[in-house]
Amino acid sequence: PKRDFSSLKTEAFYSQGLKNLSSKMVIEIVSQYIDYYNKERIQTKLNYLSPVKYKKKVA
């Protein structure tokens, strides 16, 4: 969803002051952020669990 891209831009790029990055650096940052988002970042809509922990809980 569009909201997820907003979080990505805000948390992974803007808050870090990152500018003028190579495409390789952008790919690495996005990959790391996706890993963080799925495994560590808690979400209120998932009862304050990360997506991975939530999936394990409801499975």
PDB file of N, CA and C in Angstrom:
ATOM      1  N   PRO A   1       0.811  -1.200   0.000  1.00  0.00           N
ATOM      2  CA  PRO A   1       0.000   0.000   0.000  1.00  0.00           C
ATOM      3  C   PRO A   1       0.855   1.264   0.000  1.00  0.00           C
ATOM      4  N   LYS A   2       0.243   2.320  -0.426  1.00  0.00           N
ATOM      5  CA  LYS A   2       0.934   3.607  -0.510  1.00  0.00           C
ATOM      6  C   LYS A   2       1.485   4.033   0.849  1.00  0.00           C
ATOM      7  N   ARG A   3       0.757   3.747   1.899  1.00  0.00           N
ATOM      8  CA  ARG A   3       1.180   4.125   3.248  1.00  0.00           C
ATOM      9  C   ARG A   3       2.514   3.475   3.615  1.00  0.00           C
ATOM     10  N   ASP A   4       2.720   2.239   3.179  1.00  0.00           N
ATOM     11  CA  ASP A   4       3.970   1.549   3.479  1.00  0.00           C
ATOM     12  C   ASP A   4       5.151   2.240   2.819  1.00  0.00           C
ATOM     13  N   PHE A   5       4.960   2.762   1.614  1.00  0.00           N
ATOM     14  CA  PHE A   5       6.037   3.489   0.954  1.00  0.00           C
ATOM     15  C   PHE A   5       6.336   4.786   1.683  1.00  0.00           C
ATOM     16  N   SER A   6       5.311   5.387   2.256  1.00  0.00           N
ATOM     17  CA  SER A   6       5.517   6.599   3.039  1.00  0.00           C
ATOM     18  C   SER A   6       6.383   6.293   4.258  1.00  0.00           C
ATOM     19  N   SER A   7       6.092   5.188   4.930  1.00  0.00           N
ATOM     20  CA  SER A   7       6.902   4.778   6.081  1.00  0.00           C
ATOM     21  C   SER A   7       8.330   4.498   5.660  1.00  0.00           C
ATOM     22  N   LEU A   8       8.490   3.831   4.552  1.00  0.00           N
ATOM     23  CA  LEU A   8       9.825   3.521   4.038  1.00  0.00           C
ATOM     24  C   LEU A   8      10.610   4.801   3.791  1.00  0.00           C
ATOM     25  N   LYS A   9      10.010   5.732   3.084  1.00  0.00           N
ATOM     26  CA  LYS A   9      10.708   6.984   2.777  1.00  0.00           C
ATOM     27  C   LYS A   9      11.055   7.757   4.048  1.00  0.00           C
ATOM     28  N   THR A  10      10.095   7.848   4.959  1.00  0.00           N
ATOM     29  CA  THR A  10      10.319   8.609   6.184  1.00  0.00           C
ATOM     30  C   THR A  10      11.347   7.950   7.088  1.00  0.00           C
ATOM     31  N   GLU A  11      11.192   6.653   7.335  1.00  0.00           N
ATOM     32  CA  GLU A  11      12.042   5.966   8.305  1.00  0.00           C
ATOM     33  C   GLU A  11      13.414   5.587   7.755  1.00  0.00           C
ATOM     34  N   ALA A  12      13.490   5.231   6.498  1.00  0.00           N
ATOM     35  CA  ALA A  12      14.758   4.732   5.954  1.00  0.00           C
ATOM     36  C   ALA A  12      15.584   5.801   5.243  1.00  0.00           C
ATOM     37  N   PHE A  13      14.937   6.838   4.752  1.00  0.00           N
ATOM     38  CA  PHE A  13      15.685   7.826   3.977  1.00  0.00           C
ATOM     39  C   PHE A  13      15.669   9.213   4.609  1.00  0.00           C
ATOM     40  N   TYR A  14      14.485   9.812   4.766  1.00  0.00           N
ATOM     41  CA  TYR A  14      14.404  11.192   5.234  1.00  0.00           C
ATOM     42  C   TYR A  14      14.984  11.370   6.630  1.00  0.00           C
ATOM     43  N   SER A  15      14.629  10.479   7.547  1.00  0.00           N
ATOM     44  CA  SER A  15      15.103  10.634   8.924  1.00  0.00           C
ATOM     45  C   SER A  15      16.614  10.444   9.038  1.00  0.00           C
ATOM     46  N   GLN A  16      17.197   9.761   8.075  1.00  0.00           N
ATOM     47  CA  GLN A  16      18.642   9.533   8.074  1.00  0.00           C
ATOM     48  C   GLN A  16      19.392  10.604   7.285  1.00  0.00           C
ATOM     49  N   GLY A  17      18.652  11.471   6.613  1.00  0.00           N
ATOM     50  CA  GLY A  17      19.280  12.522   5.820  1.00  0.00           C
ATOM     51  C   GLY A  17      20.031  11.985   4.612  1.00  0.00           C
ATOM     52  N   LEU A  18      19.550  10.886   4.071  1.00  0.00           N
ATOM     53  CA  LEU A  18      20.239  10.253   2.948  1.00  0.00           C
ATOM     54  C   LEU A  18      19.849  10.909   1.628  1.00  0.00           C
ATOM     55  N   LYS A  19      20.857  11.289   0.855  1.00  0.00           N
ATOM     56  CA  LYS A  19      20.637  11.926  -0.444  1.00  0.00           C
ATOM     57  C   LYS A  19      21.701  11.435  -1.408  1.00  0.00           C
ATOM     58  N   ASN A  20      21.426  11.583  -2.678  1.00  0.00           N
ATOM     59  CA  ASN A  20      22.393  11.254  -3.733  1.00  0.00           C
ATOM     60  C   ASN A  20      22.977   9.849  -3.588  1.00  0.00           C
ATOM     61  N   LEU A  21      22.099   8.874  -3.474  1.00  0.00           N
ATOM     62  CA  LEU A  21      22.524   7.490  -3.304  1.00  0.00           C
ATOM     63  C   LEU A  21      22.595   6.769  -4.639  1.00  0.00           C
ATOM     64  N   SER A  22      23.503   5.836  -4.741  1.00  0.00           N
ATOM     65  CA  SER A  22      23.566   4.997  -5.940  1.00  0.00           C
ATOM     66  C   SER A  22      22.404   4.008  -5.895  1.00  0.00           C
ATOM     67  N   SER A  23      22.060   3.452  -7.042  1.00  0.00           N
ATOM     68  CA  SER A  23      20.968   2.483  -7.081  1.00  0.00           C
ATOM     69  C   SER A  23      21.292   1.267  -6.220  1.00  0.00           C
ATOM     70  N   LYS A  24      22.544   0.880  -6.163  1.00  0.00           N
ATOM     71  CA  LYS A  24      22.957  -0.252  -5.323  1.00  0.00           C
ATOM     72  C   LYS A  24      22.697   0.051  -3.846  1.00  0.00           C
ATOM     73  N   MET A  25      22.995   1.271  -3.425  1.00  0.00           N
ATOM     74  CA  MET A  25      22.759   1.659  -2.034  1.00  0.00           C
ATOM     75  C   MET A  25      21.266   1.700  -1.721  1.00  0.00           C
ATOM     76  N   VAL A  26      20.468   2.194  -2.656  1.00  0.00           N
ATOM     77  CA  VAL A  26      19.017   2.245  -2.457  1.00  0.00           C
ATOM     78  C   VAL A  26      18.466   0.834  -2.312  1.00  0.00           C
ATOM     79  N   ILE A  27      18.905  -0.077  -3.160  1.00  0.00           N
ATOM     80  CA  ILE A  27      18.445  -1.468  -3.090  1.00  0.00           C
ATOM     81  C   ILE A  27      18.797  -2.076  -1.736  1.00  0.00           C
ATOM     82  N   GLU A  28      19.985  -1.834  -1.245  1.00  0.00           N
ATOM     83  CA  GLU A  28      20.410  -2.366   0.053  1.00  0.00           C
ATOM     84  C   GLU A  28      19.580  -1.779   1.190  1.00  0.00           C
ATOM     85  N   ILE A  29      19.350  -0.481   1.156  1.00  0.00           N
ATOM     86  CA  ILE A  29      18.558   0.171   2.204  1.00  0.00           C
ATOM     87  C   ILE A  29      17.125  -0.343   2.197  1.00  0.00           C
ATOM     88  N   VAL A  30      16.526  -0.470   1.026  1.00  0.00           N
ATOM     89  CA  VAL A  30      15.152  -0.969   0.920  1.00  0.00           C
ATOM     90  C   VAL A  30      15.076  -2.412   1.410  1.00  0.00           C
ATOM     91  N   SER A  31      16.036  -3.227   1.033  1.00  0.00           N
ATOM     92  CA  SER A  31      16.065  -4.619   1.477  1.00  0.00           C
ATOM     93  C   SER A  31      16.144  -4.712   2.999  1.00  0.00           C
ATOM     94  N   GLN A  32      17.007  -3.916   3.593  1.00  0.00           N
ATOM     95  CA  GLN A  32      17.137  -3.903   5.054  1.00  0.00           C
ATOM     96  C   GLN A  32      15.856  -3.408   5.719  1.00  0.00           C
ATOM     97  N   TYR A  33      15.227  -2.401   5.126  1.00  0.00           N
ATOM     98  CA  TYR A  33      14.004  -1.865   5.706  1.00  0.00           C
ATOM     99  C   TYR A  33      12.873  -2.894   5.643  1.00  0.00           C
ATOM    100  N   ILE A  34      12.747  -3.598   4.540  1.00  0.00           N
ATOM    101  CA  ILE A  34      11.709  -4.625   4.408  1.00  0.00           C
ATOM    102  C   ILE A  34      11.905  -5.704   5.466  1.00  0.00           C
ATOM    103  N   ASP A  35      13.138  -6.110   5.677  1.00  0.00           N
ATOM    104  CA  ASP A  35      13.445  -7.106   6.702  1.00  0.00           C
ATOM    105  C   ASP A  35      13.047  -6.581   8.083  1.00  0.00           C
ATOM    106  N   TYR A  36      13.426  -5.354   8.382  1.00  0.00           N
ATOM    107  CA  TYR A  36      13.062  -4.721   9.650  1.00  0.00           C
ATOM    108  C   TYR A  36      11.542  -4.611   9.788  1.00  0.00           C
ATOM    109  N   TYR A  37      10.878  -4.151   8.746  1.00  0.00           N
ATOM    110  CA  TYR A  37       9.432  -3.929   8.774  1.00  0.00           C
ATOM    111  C   TYR A  37       8.682  -5.228   9.062  1.00  0.00           C
ATOM    112  N   ASN A  38       9.121  -6.310   8.447  1.00  0.00           N
ATOM    113  CA  ASN A  38       8.434  -7.589   8.615  1.00  0.00           C
ATOM    114  C   ASN A  38       8.777  -8.308   9.909  1.00  0.00           C
ATOM    115  N   LYS A  39      10.006  -8.162  10.372  1.00  0.00           N
ATOM    116  CA  LYS A  39      10.451  -8.953  11.520  1.00  0.00           C
ATOM    117  C   LYS A  39      10.467  -8.212  12.851  1.00  0.00           C
ATOM    118  N   GLU A  40      10.609  -6.899  12.839  1.00  0.00           N
ATOM    119  CA  GLU A  40      10.813  -6.172  14.093  1.00  0.00           C
ATOM    120  C   GLU A  40       9.809  -5.057  14.365  1.00  0.00           C
ATOM    121  N   ARG A  41       9.390  -4.354  13.348  1.00  0.00           N
ATOM    122  CA  ARG A  41       8.566  -3.153  13.538  1.00  0.00           C
ATOM    123  C   ARG A  41       7.163  -3.541  13.991  1.00  0.00           C
ATOM    124  N   ILE A  42       6.801  -3.131  15.206  1.00  0.00           N
ATOM    125  CA  ILE A  42       5.471  -3.469  15.707  1.00  0.00           C
ATOM    126  C   ILE A  42       4.416  -2.595  15.031  1.00  0.00           C
ATOM    127  N   GLN A  43       3.215  -3.143  14.937  1.00  0.00           N
ATOM    128  CA  GLN A  43       2.122  -2.426  14.293  1.00  0.00           C
ATOM    129  C   GLN A  43       0.874  -2.530  15.154  1.00  0.00           C
ATOM    130  N   THR A  44       0.240  -1.405  15.381  1.00  0.00           N
ATOM    131  CA  THR A  44      -0.953  -1.396  16.223  1.00  0.00           C
ATOM    132  C   THR A  44      -2.053  -2.269  15.643  1.00  0.00           C
ATOM    133  N   LYS A  45      -2.192  -2.275  14.325  1.00  0.00           N
ATOM    134  CA  LYS A  45      -3.258  -3.065  13.698  1.00  0.00           C
ATOM    135  C   LYS A  45      -3.035  -4.566  13.846  1.00  0.00           C
ATOM    136  N   LEU A  46      -1.838  -4.962  14.269  1.00  0.00           N
ATOM    137  CA  LEU A  46      -1.518  -6.380  14.477  1.00  0.00           C
ATOM    138  C   LEU A  46      -1.315  -6.664  15.967  1.00  0.00           C
ATOM    139  N   ASN A  47      -2.070  -5.972  16.792  1.00  0.00           N
ATOM    140  CA  ASN A  47      -1.982  -6.133  18.246  1.00  0.00           C
ATOM    141  C   ASN A  47      -0.569  -5.905  18.777  1.00  0.00           C
ATOM    142  N   TYR A  48       0.077  -4.903  18.246  1.00  0.00           N
ATOM    143  CA  TYR A  48       1.421  -4.499  18.682  1.00  0.00           C
ATOM    144  C   TYR A  48       2.467  -5.597  18.494  1.00  0.00           C
ATOM    145  N   LEU A  49       2.322  -6.337  17.399  1.00  0.00           N
ATOM    146  CA  LEU A  49       3.292  -7.357  17.008  1.00  0.00           C
ATOM    147  C   LEU A  49       3.849  -7.001  15.642  1.00  0.00           C
ATOM    148  N   SER A  50       5.000  -7.564  15.322  1.00  0.00           N
ATOM    149  CA  SER A  50       5.525  -7.422  13.960  1.00  0.00           C
ATOM    150  C   SER A  50       4.720  -8.353  13.058  1.00  0.00           C
ATOM    151  N   PRO A  51       4.723  -8.139  11.745  1.00  0.00           N
ATOM    152  CA  PRO A  51       3.987  -9.033  10.851  1.00  0.00           C
ATOM    153  C   PRO A  51       4.390 -10.503  10.991  1.00  0.00           C
ATOM    154  N   VAL A  52       5.672 -10.783  11.147  1.00  0.00           N
ATOM    155  CA  VAL A  52       6.123 -12.175  11.281  1.00  0.00           C
ATOM    156  C   VAL A  52       5.602 -12.785  12.578  1.00  0.00           C
ATOM    157  N   LYS A  53       5.713 -12.058  13.679  1.00  0.00           N
ATOM    158  CA  LYS A  53       5.226 -12.579  14.962  1.00  0.00           C
ATOM    159  C   LYS A  53       3.710 -12.747  14.943  1.00  0.00           C
ATOM    160  N   TYR A  54       3.010 -11.827  14.309  1.00  0.00           N
ATOM    161  CA  TYR A  54       1.558 -11.926  14.215  1.00  0.00           C
ATOM    162  C   TYR A  54       1.150 -13.159  13.413  1.00  0.00           C
ATOM    163  N   LYS A  55       1.815 -13.377  12.298  1.00  0.00           N
ATOM    164  CA  LYS A  55       1.499 -14.536  11.456  1.00  0.00           C
ATOM    165  C   LYS A  55       1.719 -15.840  12.220  1.00  0.00           C
ATOM    166  N   LYS A  56       2.803 -15.912  12.987  1.00  0.00           N
ATOM    167  CA  LYS A  56       3.072 -17.114  13.787  1.00  0.00           C
ATOM    168  C   LYS A  56       1.997 -17.306  14.851  1.00  0.00           C
ATOM    169  N   LYS A  57       1.540 -16.208  15.437  1.00  0.00           N
ATOM    170  CA  LYS A  57       0.547 -16.289  16.506  1.00  0.00           C
ATOM    171  C   LYS A  57      -0.808 -16.771  15.995  1.00  0.00           C
ATOM    172  N   VAL A  58      -1.212 -16.317  14.824  1.00  0.00           N
ATOM    173  CA  VAL A  58      -2.536 -16.675  14.310  1.00  0.00           C
ATOM    174  C   VAL A  58      -2.534 -17.964  13.490  1.00  0.00           C
ATOM    175  N   ALA A  59      -1.366 -18.475  13.182  1.00  0.00           N
ATOM    176  CA  ALA A  59      -1.282 -19.697  12.356  1.00  0.00           C
ATOM    177  C   ALA A  59      -1.632 -20.934  13.143  1.00  0.00           C
TER     178      ALA A  59
END
